[in-house]
C-alpha cells in the first residue's frame, strides 16, 4: 500500500515546483507538518486521487480549509477516505 504522506509531499513539491529535499527541510523546520494554501491542497488531493487510481476519493464536502491547509490534515483525510473505499 502506498505511503500517503510520501505521495502528498511529492505532489506538493511538484505543485510548488520545488525539490523534494527543500520541502523536507521546510517540514522539518515546521516540526513535522507544513501549512499549505487550500488551493494547493485541492490540487495535491486531485493528483493523489489519480496516482492512487481512486477517482472521487475527495468529496466536495471535504474541500474545506480544515482538511486542505496542512500536509497532516490532507494526509489524514486521504487515509480516511481510502479506508472507506476499501471497506466498501
PDB file of N, CA and C in Angstrom:
ATOM      1  N   UNK A   1       0.848  -1.192   0.000  1.00  0.00           N
ATOM      2  CA  UNK A   1       0.000   0.000   0.000  1.00  0.00           C
ATOM      3  C   UNK A   1       0.888   1.247   0.000  1.00  0.00           C
ATOM      4  N   UNK A   2       0.578   2.172  -0.834  1.00  0.00           N
ATOM      5  CA  UNK A   2       1.383   3.386  -0.972  1.00  0.00           C
ATOM      6  C   UNK A   2       1.318   4.232   0.293  1.00  0.00           C
ATOM      7  N   UNK A   3       2.441   4.852   0.636  1.00  0.00           N
ATOM      8  CA  UNK A   3       2.505   5.745   1.779  1.00  0.00           C
ATOM      9  C   UNK A   3       1.908   7.099   1.376  1.00  0.00           C
ATOM     10  N   UNK A   4       0.761   7.397   1.939  1.00  0.00           N
ATOM     11  CA  UNK A   4       0.029   8.607   1.548  1.00  0.00           C
ATOM     12  C   UNK A   4       0.840   9.863   1.847  1.00  0.00           C
ATOM     13  N   UNK A   5       1.469   9.924   3.006  1.00  0.00           N
ATOM     14  CA  UNK A   5       2.246  11.122   3.349  1.00  0.00           C
ATOM     15  C   UNK A   5       3.332  11.372   2.300  1.00  0.00           C
ATOM     16  N   UNK A   6       4.022  10.328   1.915  1.00  0.00           N
ATOM     17  CA  UNK A   6       5.085  10.466   0.925  1.00  0.00           C
ATOM     18  C   UNK A   6       4.526  10.971  -0.408  1.00  0.00           C
ATOM     19  N   UNK A   7       3.400  10.425  -0.820  1.00  0.00           N
ATOM     20  CA  UNK A   7       2.767  10.861  -2.075  1.00  0.00           C
ATOM     21  C   UNK A   7       2.335  12.319  -1.977  1.00  0.00           C
ATOM     22  N   UNK A   8       1.738  12.705  -0.841  1.00  0.00           N
ATOM     23  CA  UNK A   8       1.302  14.090  -0.646  1.00  0.00           C
ATOM     24  C   UNK A   8       2.496  15.038  -0.736  1.00  0.00           C
ATOM     25  N   UNK A   9       3.590  14.693  -0.083  1.00  0.00           N
ATOM     26  CA  UNK A   9       4.769  15.557  -0.103  1.00  0.00           C
ATOM     27  C   UNK A   9       5.353  15.641  -1.513  1.00  0.00           C
ATOM     28  N   UNK A  10       5.434  14.512  -2.196  1.00  0.00           N
ATOM     29  CA  UNK A  10       5.941  14.527  -3.577  1.00  0.00           C
ATOM     30  C   UNK A  10       5.079  15.416  -4.472  1.00  0.00           C
ATOM     31  N   UNK A  11       3.771  15.312  -4.327  1.00  0.00           N
ATOM     32  CA  UNK A  11       2.873  16.095  -5.176  1.00  0.00           C
ATOM     33  C   UNK A  11       2.906  17.573  -4.807  1.00  0.00           C
ATOM     34  N   UNK A  12       3.064  17.878  -3.529  1.00  0.00           N
ATOM     35  CA  UNK A  12       3.193  19.278  -3.136  1.00  0.00           C
ATOM     36  C   UNK A  12       4.481  19.866  -3.702  1.00  0.00           C
ATOM     37  N   UNK A  13       5.553  19.096  -3.685  1.00  0.00           N
ATOM     38  CA  UNK A  13       6.808  19.551  -4.283  1.00  0.00           C
ATOM     39  C   UNK A  13       6.592  19.835  -5.772  1.00  0.00           C
ATOM     40  N   UNK A  14       5.865  18.955  -6.440  1.00  0.00           N
ATOM     41  CA  UNK A  14       5.570  19.147  -7.863  1.00  0.00           C
ATOM     42  C   UNK A  14       4.755  20.435  -8.084  1.00  0.00           C
ATOM     43  N   UNK A  15       3.691  20.588  -7.287  1.00  0.00           N
ATOM     44  CA  UNK A  15       2.813  21.754  -7.434  1.00  0.00           C
ATOM     45  C   UNK A  15       3.589  23.052  -7.190  1.00  0.00           C
ATOM     46  N   UNK A  16       4.493  23.022  -6.233  1.00  0.00           N
ATOM     47  CA  UNK A  16       5.287  24.210  -5.911  1.00  0.00           C
ATOM     48  C   UNK A  16       6.536  24.344  -6.789  1.00  0.00           C
ATOM     49  N   UNK A  17       6.776  23.373  -7.633  1.00  0.00           N
ATOM     50  CA  UNK A  17       7.963  23.350  -8.493  1.00  0.00           C
ATOM     51  C   UNK A  17       9.238  23.487  -7.658  1.00  0.00           C
ATOM     52  N   UNK A  18       9.312  22.663  -6.607  1.00  0.00           N
ATOM     53  CA  UNK A  18      10.466  22.667  -5.711  1.00  0.00           C
ATOM     54  C   UNK A  18      11.021  21.264  -5.594  1.00  0.00           C
ATOM     55  N   UNK A  19      12.272  21.173  -5.233  1.00  0.00           N
ATOM     56  CA  UNK A  19      12.863  19.867  -4.969  1.00  0.00           C
ATOM     57  C   UNK A  19      12.262  19.279  -3.707  1.00  0.00           C
ATOM     58  N   UNK A  20      12.120  17.971  -3.707  1.00  0.00           N
ATOM     59  CA  UNK A  20      11.591  17.276  -2.535  1.00  0.00           C
ATOM     60  C   UNK A  20      12.452  17.575  -1.300  1.00  0.00           C
ATOM     61  N   UNK A  21      13.763  17.636  -1.475  1.00  0.00           N
ATOM     62  CA  UNK A  21      14.655  17.882  -0.336  1.00  0.00           C
ATOM     63  C   UNK A  21      14.397  19.250   0.295  1.00  0.00           C
ATOM     64  N   UNK A  22      14.074  20.243  -0.525  1.00  0.00           N
ATOM     65  CA  UNK A  22      13.734  21.564   0.009  1.00  0.00           C
ATOM     66  C   UNK A  22      12.454  21.508   0.835  1.00  0.00           C
ATOM     67  N   UNK A  23      11.482  20.780   0.331  1.00  0.00           N
ATOM     68  CA  UNK A  23      10.217  20.651   1.045  1.00  0.00           C
ATOM     69  C   UNK A  23      10.407  19.866   2.343  1.00  0.00           C
ATOM     70  N   UNK A  24      11.211  18.817   2.294  1.00  0.00           N
ATOM     71  CA  UNK A  24      11.513  18.053   3.510  1.00  0.00           C
ATOM     72  C   UNK A  24      12.157  18.937   4.574  1.00  0.00           C
ATOM     73  N   UNK A  25      13.050  19.828   4.152  1.00  0.00           N
ATOM     74  CA  UNK A  25      13.697  20.753   5.089  1.00  0.00           C
ATOM     75  C   UNK A  25      12.667  21.712   5.697  1.00  0.00           C
ATOM     76  N   UNK A  26      11.734  22.203   4.878  1.00  0.00           N
ATOM     77  CA  UNK A  26      10.668  23.083   5.381  1.00  0.00           C
ATOM     78  C   UNK A  26       9.798  22.350   6.402  1.00  0.00           C
ATOM     79  N   UNK A  27       9.484  21.096   6.116  1.00  0.00           N
ATOM     80  CA  UNK A  27       8.656  20.297   7.016  1.00  0.00           C
ATOM     81  C   UNK A  27       9.388  20.077   8.342  1.00  0.00           C
ATOM     82  N   UNK A  28      10.659  19.749   8.264  1.00  0.00           N
ATOM     83  CA  UNK A  28      11.447  19.545   9.479  1.00  0.00           C
ATOM     84  C   UNK A  28      11.512  20.828  10.307  1.00  0.00           C
ATOM     85  N   UNK A  29      11.690  21.962   9.650  1.00  0.00           N
ATOM     86  CA  UNK A  29      11.752  23.253  10.342  1.00  0.00           C
ATOM     87  C   UNK A  29      10.418  23.617  10.982  1.00  0.00           C
ATOM     88  N   UNK A  30       9.337  23.055  10.452  1.00  0.00           N
ATOM     89  CA  UNK A  30       7.992  23.340  10.971  1.00  0.00           C
ATOM     90  C   UNK A  30       7.523  22.233  11.921  1.00  0.00           C
ATOM     91  N   UNK A  31       8.456  21.505  12.492  1.00  0.00           N
ATOM     92  CA  UNK A  31       8.157  20.449  13.478  1.00  0.00           C
ATOM     93  C   UNK A  31       7.353  19.291  12.908  1.00  0.00           C
ATOM     94  N   UNK A  32       7.539  18.968  11.636  1.00  0.00           N
ATOM     95  CA  UNK A  32       6.949  17.767  11.054  1.00  0.00           C
ATOM     96  C   UNK A  32       5.673  17.959  10.265  1.00  0.00           C
ATOM     97  N   UNK A  33       5.119  19.147  10.265  1.00  0.00           N
ATOM     98  CA  UNK A  33       3.938  19.419   9.448  1.00  0.00           C
ATOM     99  C   UNK A  33       4.177  20.745   8.751  1.00  0.00           C
ATOM    100  N   UNK A  34       3.406  21.025   7.749  1.00  0.00           N
ATOM    101  CA  UNK A  34       3.617  22.243   6.985  1.00  0.00           C
ATOM    102  C   UNK A  34       2.279  22.800   6.551  1.00  0.00           C
ATOM    103  N   UNK A  35       2.085  24.093   6.792  1.00  0.00           N
ATOM    104  CA  UNK A  35       0.872  24.744   6.308  1.00  0.00           C
ATOM    105  C   UNK A  35       0.971  24.904   4.803  1.00  0.00           C
ATOM    106  N   UNK A  36      -0.165  24.711   4.148  1.00  0.00           N
ATOM    107  CA  UNK A  36      -0.235  24.889   2.702  1.00  0.00           C
ATOM    108  C   UNK A  36      -1.482  25.690   2.364  1.00  0.00           C
ATOM    109  N   UNK A  37      -1.456  26.326   1.236  1.00  0.00           N
ATOM    110  CA  UNK A  37      -2.605  27.070   0.739  1.00  0.00           C
ATOM    111  C   UNK A  37      -3.715  26.076   0.378  1.00  0.00           C
ATOM    112  N   UNK A  38      -4.959  26.419   0.651  1.00  0.00           N
ATOM    113  CA  UNK A  38      -6.061  25.487   0.376  1.00  0.00           C
ATOM    114  C   UNK A  38      -6.165  25.148  -1.109  1.00  0.00           C
ATOM    115  N   UNK A  39      -5.817  26.076  -1.984  1.00  0.00           N
ATOM    116  CA  UNK A  39      -5.825  25.785  -3.431  1.00  0.00           C
ATOM    117  C   UNK A  39      -4.745  24.761  -3.767  1.00  0.00           C
ATOM    118  N   UNK A  40      -3.579  24.887  -3.132  1.00  0.00           N
ATOM    119  CA  UNK A  40      -2.535  23.875  -3.310  1.00  0.00           C
ATOM    120  C   UNK A  40      -3.033  22.524  -2.804  1.00  0.00           C
ATOM    121  N   UNK A  41      -3.710  22.560  -1.662  1.00  0.00           N
ATOM    122  CA  UNK A  41      -4.254  21.326  -1.088  1.00  0.00           C
ATOM    123  C   UNK A  41      -5.237  20.650  -2.032  1.00  0.00           C
ATOM    124  N   UNK A  42      -6.095  21.435  -2.676  1.00  0.00           N
ATOM    125  CA  UNK A  42      -7.042  20.871  -3.642  1.00  0.00           C
ATOM    126  C   UNK A  42      -6.303  20.224  -4.808  1.00  0.00           C
ATOM    127  N   UNK A  43      -5.306  20.911  -5.314  1.00  0.00           N
ATOM    128  CA  UNK A  43      -4.544  20.388  -6.447  1.00  0.00           C
ATOM    129  C   UNK A  43      -3.817  19.106  -6.061  1.00  0.00           C
ATOM    130  N   UNK A  44      -3.188  19.116  -4.902  1.00  0.00           N
ATOM    131  CA  UNK A  44      -2.481  17.920  -4.430  1.00  0.00           C
ATOM    132  C   UNK A  44      -3.463  16.770  -4.255  1.00  0.00           C
ATOM    133  N   UNK A  45      -4.628  17.026  -3.669  1.00  0.00           N
ATOM    134  CA  UNK A  45      -5.629  15.974  -3.448  1.00  0.00           C
ATOM    135  C   UNK A  45      -6.045  15.334  -4.770  1.00  0.00           C
ATOM    136  N   UNK A  46      -6.261  16.131  -5.774  1.00  0.00           N
ATOM    137  CA  UNK A  46      -6.659  15.603  -7.087  1.00  0.00           C
ATOM    138  C   UNK A  46      -5.540  14.758  -7.689  1.00  0.00           C
ATOM    139  N   UNK A  47      -4.302  15.237  -7.574  1.00  0.00           N
ATOM    140  CA  UNK A  47      -3.176  14.481  -8.107  1.00  0.00           C
ATOM    141  C   UNK A  47      -3.006  13.147  -7.373  1.00  0.00           C
ATOM    142  N   UNK A  48      -3.215  13.150  -6.055  1.00  0.00           N
ATOM    143  CA  UNK A  48      -3.113  11.911  -5.270  1.00  0.00           C
ATOM    144  C   UNK A  48      -4.219  10.934  -5.677  1.00  0.00           C
ATOM    145  N   UNK A  49      -5.428  11.446  -5.894  1.00  0.00           N
ATOM    146  CA  UNK A  49      -6.524  10.589  -6.384  1.00  0.00           C
ATOM    147  C   UNK A  49      -6.108   9.851  -7.644  1.00  0.00           C
ATOM    148  N   UNK A  50      -5.505  10.575  -8.560  1.00  0.00           N
ATOM    149  CA  UNK A  50      -5.090   9.981  -9.834  1.00  0.00           C
ATOM    150  C   UNK A  50      -4.008   8.932  -9.602  1.00  0.00           C
ATOM    151  N   UNK A  51      -3.025   9.268  -8.797  1.00  0.00           N
ATOM    152  CA  UNK A  51      -1.921   8.336  -8.544  1.00  0.00           C
ATOM    153  C   UNK A  51      -2.380   7.063  -7.837  1.00  0.00           C
ATOM    154  N   UNK A  52      -3.375   7.197  -6.953  1.00  0.00           N
ATOM    155  CA  UNK A  52      -3.896   6.032  -6.240  1.00  0.00           C
ATOM    156  C   UNK A  52      -4.977   5.315  -7.045  1.00  0.00           C
ATOM    157  N   UNK A  53      -5.319   5.868  -8.212  1.00  0.00           N
ATOM    158  CA  UNK A  53      -6.373   5.316  -9.059  1.00  0.00           C
ATOM    159  C   UNK A  53      -7.681   5.158  -8.280  1.00  0.00           C
ATOM    160  N   UNK A  54      -8.031   6.244  -7.582  1.00  0.00           N
ATOM    161  CA  UNK A  54      -9.242   6.248  -6.760  1.00  0.00           C
ATOM    162  C   UNK A  54     -10.038   7.523  -7.028  1.00  0.00           C
ATOM    163  N   UNK A  55     -10.567   7.607  -8.229  1.00  0.00           N
ATOM    164  CA  UNK A  55     -11.348   8.774  -8.623  1.00  0.00           C
ATOM    165  C   UNK A  55     -12.494   8.988  -7.636  1.00  0.00           C
ATOM    166  N   UNK A  56     -12.715  10.236  -7.282  1.00  0.00           N
ATOM    167  CA  UNK A  56     -13.788  10.557  -6.345  1.00  0.00           C
ATOM    168  C   UNK A  56     -13.403  10.355  -4.893  1.00  0.00           C
ATOM    169  N   UNK A  57     -12.125  10.155  -4.633  1.00  0.00           N
ATOM    170  CA  UNK A  57     -11.646   9.930  -3.273  1.00  0.00           C
ATOM    171  C   UNK A  57     -11.988  11.109  -2.372  1.00  0.00           C
ATOM    172  N   UNK A  58     -11.757  12.302  -2.878  1.00  0.00           N
ATOM    173  CA  UNK A  58     -12.049  13.515  -2.115  1.00  0.00           C
ATOM    174  C   UNK A  58     -13.412  14.036  -2.548  1.00  0.00           C
ATOM    175  N   UNK A  59     -14.289  14.167  -1.589  1.00  0.00           N
ATOM    176  CA  UNK A  59     -15.663  14.608  -1.856  1.00  0.00           C
ATOM    177  C   UNK A  59     -15.769  16.131  -1.769  1.00  0.00           C
ATOM    178  N   UNK A  60     -16.808  16.703  -2.370  1.00  0.00           N
ATOM    179  CA  UNK A  60     -16.974  18.161  -2.283  1.00  0.00           C
ATOM    180  C   UNK A  60     -17.000  18.668  -0.841  1.00  0.00           C
ATOM    181  N   UNK A  61     -17.626  17.936   0.046  1.00  0.00           N
ATOM    182  CA  UNK A  61     -17.705  18.377   1.444  1.00  0.00           C
ATOM    183  C   UNK A  61     -16.358  18.301   2.159  1.00  0.00           C
ATOM    184  N   UNK A  62     -15.410  17.597   1.565  1.00  0.00           N
ATOM    185  CA  UNK A  62     -14.065  17.507   2.150  1.00  0.00           C
ATOM    186  C   UNK A  62     -13.213  18.731   1.842  1.00  0.00           C
ATOM    187  N   UNK A  63     -13.625  19.507   0.878  1.00  0.00           N
ATOM    188  CA  UNK A  63     -12.791  20.610   0.406  1.00  0.00           C
ATOM    189  C   UNK A  63     -12.979  21.851   1.264  1.00  0.00           C
ATOM    190  N   UNK A  64     -12.556  21.713   2.518  1.00  0.00           N
ATOM    191  CA  UNK A  64     -12.625  22.813   3.476  1.00  0.00           C
ATOM    192  C   UNK A  64     -11.210  23.188   3.900  1.00  0.00           C
ATOM    193  N   UNK A  65     -11.077  24.364   4.466  1.00  0.00           N
ATOM    194  CA  UNK A  65      -9.767  24.803   4.958  1.00  0.00           C
ATOM    195  C   UNK A  65      -9.233  23.843   6.016  1.00  0.00           C
ATOM    196  N   UNK A  66     -10.100  23.278   6.821  1.00  0.00           N
ATOM    197  CA  UNK A  66      -9.665  22.351   7.867  1.00  0.00           C
ATOM    198  C   UNK A  66      -8.965  21.137   7.280  1.00  0.00           C
ATOM    199  N   UNK A  67      -9.450  20.632   6.166  1.00  0.00           N
ATOM    200  CA  UNK A  67      -8.906  19.418   5.560  1.00  0.00           C
ATOM    201  C   UNK A  67      -7.738  19.660   4.613  1.00  0.00           C
ATOM    202  N   UNK A  68      -7.602  20.856   4.103  1.00  0.00           N
ATOM    203  CA  UNK A  68      -6.680  21.077   2.987  1.00  0.00           C
ATOM    204  C   UNK A  68      -5.524  22.027   3.276  1.00  0.00           C
ATOM    205  N   UNK A  69      -5.310  22.453   4.517  1.00  0.00           N
ATOM    206  CA  UNK A  69      -4.328  23.510   4.749  1.00  0.00           C
ATOM    207  C   UNK A  69      -3.072  23.080   5.505  1.00  0.00           C
ATOM    208  N   UNK A  70      -2.924  21.792   5.747  1.00  0.00           N
ATOM    209  CA  UNK A  70      -1.634  21.275   6.230  1.00  0.00           C
ATOM    210  C   UNK A  70      -1.397  19.918   5.580  1.00  0.00           C
ATOM    211  N   UNK A  71      -0.143  19.536   5.529  1.00  0.00           N
ATOM    212  CA  UNK A  71       0.169  18.217   4.985  1.00  0.00           C
ATOM    213  C   UNK A  71      -0.497  17.138   5.830  1.00  0.00           C
ATOM    214  N   UNK A  72      -0.433  17.291   7.153  1.00  0.00           N
ATOM    215  CA  UNK A  72      -1.022  16.293   8.054  1.00  0.00           C
ATOM    216  C   UNK A  72      -2.520  16.148   7.893  1.00  0.00           C
ATOM    217  N   UNK A  73      -3.237  17.262   7.788  1.00  0.00           N
ATOM    218  CA  UNK A  73      -4.696  17.177   7.657  1.00  0.00           C
ATOM    219  C   UNK A  73      -5.089  16.552   6.321  1.00  0.00           C
ATOM    220  N   UNK A  74      -4.355  16.876   5.278  1.00  0.00           N
ATOM    221  CA  UNK A  74      -4.630  16.296   3.965  1.00  0.00           C
ATOM    222  C   UNK A  74      -4.333  14.799   3.969  1.00  0.00           C
ATOM    223  N   UNK A  75      -3.244  14.418   4.598  1.00  0.00           N
ATOM    224  CA  UNK A  75      -2.895  13.002   4.712  1.00  0.00           C
ATOM    225  C   UNK A  75      -3.984  12.225   5.464  1.00  0.00           C
ATOM    226  N   UNK A  76      -4.443  12.774   6.586  1.00  0.00           N
ATOM    227  CA  UNK A  76      -5.497  12.102   7.370  1.00  0.00           C
ATOM    228  C   UNK A  76      -6.784  11.967   6.571  1.00  0.00           C
ATOM    229  N   UNK A  77      -7.159  13.006   5.845  1.00  0.00           N
ATOM    230  CA  UNK A  77      -8.361  12.962   5.017  1.00  0.00           C
ATOM    231  C   UNK A  77      -8.248  11.872   3.951  1.00  0.00           C
ATOM    232  N   UNK A  78      -7.134  11.848   3.249  1.00  0.00           N
ATOM    233  CA  UNK A  78      -6.958  10.855   2.186  1.00  0.00           C
ATOM    234  C   UNK A  78      -6.956   9.443   2.758  1.00  0.00           C
ATOM    235  N   UNK A  79      -6.268   9.245   3.872  1.00  0.00           N
ATOM    236  CA  UNK A  79      -6.246   7.918   4.507  1.00  0.00           C
ATOM    237  C   UNK A  79      -7.647   7.482   4.909  1.00  0.00           C
ATOM    238  N   UNK A  80      -8.419   8.404   5.490  1.00  0.00           N
ATOM    239  CA  UNK A  80      -9.784   8.077   5.929  1.00  0.00           C
ATOM    240  C   UNK A  80     -10.665   7.701   4.742  1.00  0.00           C
ATOM    241  N   UNK A  81     -10.598   8.501   3.688  1.00  0.00           N
ATOM    242  CA  UNK A  81     -11.421   8.223   2.502  1.00  0.00           C
ATOM    243  C   UNK A  81     -10.968   6.940   1.806  1.00  0.00           C
ATOM    244  N   UNK A  82      -9.684   6.677   1.788  1.00  0.00           N
ATOM    245  CA  UNK A  82      -9.184   5.450   1.166  1.00  0.00           C
ATOM    246  C   UNK A  82      -9.671   4.221   1.939  1.00  0.00           C
ATOM    247  N   UNK A  83      -9.639   4.277   3.261  1.00  0.00           N
ATOM    248  CA  UNK A  83     -10.162   3.160   4.076  1.00  0.00           C
ATOM    249  C   UNK A  83     -11.639   2.945   3.816  1.00  0.00           C
ATOM    250  N   UNK A  84     -12.394   4.033   3.718  1.00  0.00           N
ATOM    251  CA  UNK A  84     -13.832   3.917   3.438  1.00  0.00           C
ATOM    252  C   UNK A  84     -14.069   3.251   2.098  1.00  0.00           C
ATOM    253  N   UNK A  85     -13.312   3.612   1.079  1.00  0.00           N
ATOM    254  CA  UNK A  85     -13.484   2.995  -0.252  1.00  0.00           C
ATOM    255  C   UNK A  85     -13.102   1.528  -0.227  1.00  0.00           C
ATOM    256  N   UNK A  86     -12.045   1.202   0.504  1.00  0.00           N
ATOM    257  CA  UNK A  86     -11.598  -0.180   0.559  1.00  0.00           C
ATOM    258  C   UNK A  86     -12.552  -1.066   1.358  1.00  0.00           C
ATOM    259  N   UNK A  87     -13.204  -0.470   2.387  1.00  0.00           N
ATOM    260  CA  UNK A  87     -14.133  -1.224   3.223  1.00  0.00           C
ATOM    261  C   UNK A  87     -15.495  -1.427   2.550  1.00  0.00           C
ATOM    262  N   UNK A  88     -15.740  -0.667   1.541  1.00  0.00           N
ATOM    263  CA  UNK A  88     -16.967  -0.976   0.875  1.00  0.00           C
ATOM    264  C   UNK A  88     -17.799   0.071   0.364  1.00  0.00           C
TER     265      UNK A  88
END
